[in-house]
C-alpha cells in the first residue's frame, strides 16, 4: 500500500513541476513583453 502511494506521488510530481515551470515561464514572458520588471 505504501509503495502504491509512493508510486502515485512520483507520477504526480512531474506534472506539478511542469505546471509550476509553465507558470513561471508565462510570467517571465509577460514581463519581457511589457518591457518592465514587476516587483
N, C-alpha and C. Protein backbone atom coordinates (compact mmCIF):
# COMPACT_ATOMS: atom_id res chain seq x y z
N UNK A 1 0.84 -1.21 0.00
CA UNK A 1 0.00 0.00 0.00
C UNK A 1 0.87 1.26 0.00
N UNK A 2 1.91 1.24 0.82
CA UNK A 2 2.82 2.38 0.87
C UNK A 2 3.55 2.57 -0.46
N UNK A 3 3.90 1.43 -1.08
CA UNK A 3 4.61 1.50 -2.36
C UNK A 3 3.71 2.11 -3.43
N UNK A 4 2.42 1.75 -3.39
CA UNK A 4 1.49 2.29 -4.39
C UNK A 4 1.32 3.80 -4.19
N UNK A 5 1.25 4.24 -2.95
CA UNK A 5 1.10 5.66 -2.67
C UNK A 5 2.35 6.41 -3.12
N UNK A 6 3.51 5.81 -2.91
CA UNK A 6 4.76 6.45 -3.31
C UNK A 6 4.85 6.54 -4.83
N UNK A 7 4.41 5.48 -5.51
CA UNK A 7 4.43 5.48 -6.98
C UNK A 7 3.47 6.55 -7.51
N UNK A 8 2.32 6.70 -6.86
CA UNK A 8 1.37 7.73 -7.28
C UNK A 8 1.94 9.12 -7.08
N UNK A 9 2.69 9.31 -5.99
CA UNK A 9 3.30 10.61 -5.72
C UNK A 9 4.34 10.93 -6.78
N UNK A 10 5.18 9.94 -7.12
CA UNK A 10 6.21 10.16 -8.13
C UNK A 10 5.58 10.43 -9.49
N UNK A 11 4.42 9.83 -9.75
CA UNK A 11 3.76 10.03 -11.04
C UNK A 11 3.12 11.41 -11.10
N UNK A 12 2.70 11.94 -9.97
CA UNK A 12 2.04 13.24 -9.95
C UNK A 12 3.04 14.39 -9.91
N UNK A 13 4.24 14.14 -9.42
CA UNK A 13 5.22 15.21 -9.24
C UNK A 13 5.64 15.89 -10.55
N UNK A 14 5.97 15.15 -11.61
CA UNK A 14 6.40 15.82 -12.84
C UNK A 14 5.36 16.76 -13.40
N UNK A 15 4.09 16.39 -13.35
CA UNK A 15 3.05 17.26 -13.89
C UNK A 15 2.93 18.52 -13.05
N UNK A 16 3.10 18.38 -11.75
CA UNK A 16 3.05 19.55 -10.87
C UNK A 16 4.22 20.48 -11.16
N UNK A 17 5.41 19.90 -11.31
CA UNK A 17 6.59 20.70 -11.60
C UNK A 17 6.46 21.39 -12.95
N UNK A 18 5.94 20.68 -13.93
CA UNK A 18 5.79 21.27 -15.26
C UNK A 18 4.77 22.40 -15.22
N UNK A 19 3.74 22.25 -14.40
CA UNK A 19 2.74 23.30 -14.27
C UNK A 19 3.35 24.55 -13.64
N UNK A 20 4.18 24.34 -12.61
CA UNK A 20 4.85 25.46 -11.94
C UNK A 20 5.82 26.14 -12.91
N UNK A 21 6.59 25.34 -13.64
CA UNK A 21 7.54 25.89 -14.60
C UNK A 21 6.80 26.65 -15.69
N UNK A 22 5.69 26.10 -16.14
CA UNK A 22 4.90 26.78 -17.17
C UNK A 22 4.40 28.13 -16.69
N UNK A 23 3.98 28.19 -15.42
CA UNK A 23 3.51 29.45 -14.85
C UNK A 23 4.64 30.46 -14.78
N UNK A 24 5.81 30.01 -14.30
CA UNK A 24 6.96 30.90 -14.20
C UNK A 24 7.38 31.40 -15.58
N UNK A 25 7.37 30.52 -16.57
CA UNK A 25 7.74 30.92 -17.93
C UNK A 25 6.74 31.93 -18.48
N UNK A 26 5.47 31.71 -18.21
CA UNK A 26 4.44 32.63 -18.69
C UNK A 26 4.61 34.00 -18.05
N UNK A 27 4.88 34.04 -16.75
CA UNK A 27 5.09 35.31 -16.06
C UNK A 27 6.33 36.02 -16.60
N UNK A 28 7.39 35.26 -16.81
CA UNK A 28 8.63 35.85 -17.33
C UNK A 28 8.41 36.40 -18.74
N UNK A 29 7.70 35.65 -19.58
CA UNK A 29 7.44 36.09 -20.95
C UNK A 29 6.59 37.35 -20.94
N UNK A 30 5.60 37.41 -20.04
CA UNK A 30 4.74 38.59 -19.96
C UNK A 30 5.55 39.81 -19.53
N UNK A 31 6.44 39.63 -18.56
CA UNK A 31 7.29 40.75 -18.13
C UNK A 31 8.18 41.21 -19.26
N UNK A 32 8.71 40.28 -20.04
CA UNK A 32 9.58 40.64 -21.16
C UNK A 32 8.79 41.42 -22.21
N UNK A 33 7.55 41.01 -22.47
CA UNK A 33 6.72 41.70 -23.46
C UNK A 33 6.37 43.10 -22.98
N UNK A 34 6.12 43.23 -21.69
CA UNK A 34 5.80 44.54 -21.14
C UNK A 34 7.04 45.43 -21.12
N UNK A 35 8.21 44.81 -21.05
CA UNK A 35 9.45 45.56 -21.08
C UNK A 35 9.78 46.20 -19.74
N UNK A 36 9.12 45.75 -18.69
CA UNK A 36 9.44 46.29 -17.37
C UNK A 36 9.31 45.18 -16.33
N UNK A 37 10.18 45.16 -15.34
CA UNK A 37 10.11 44.12 -14.32
C UNK A 37 8.98 44.41 -13.32
N UNK A 38 8.32 43.36 -12.89
CA UNK A 38 7.29 43.53 -11.87
C UNK A 38 7.91 43.21 -10.52
N UNK A 39 7.82 44.15 -9.61
CA UNK A 39 8.43 43.94 -8.30
C UNK A 39 7.36 43.63 -7.27
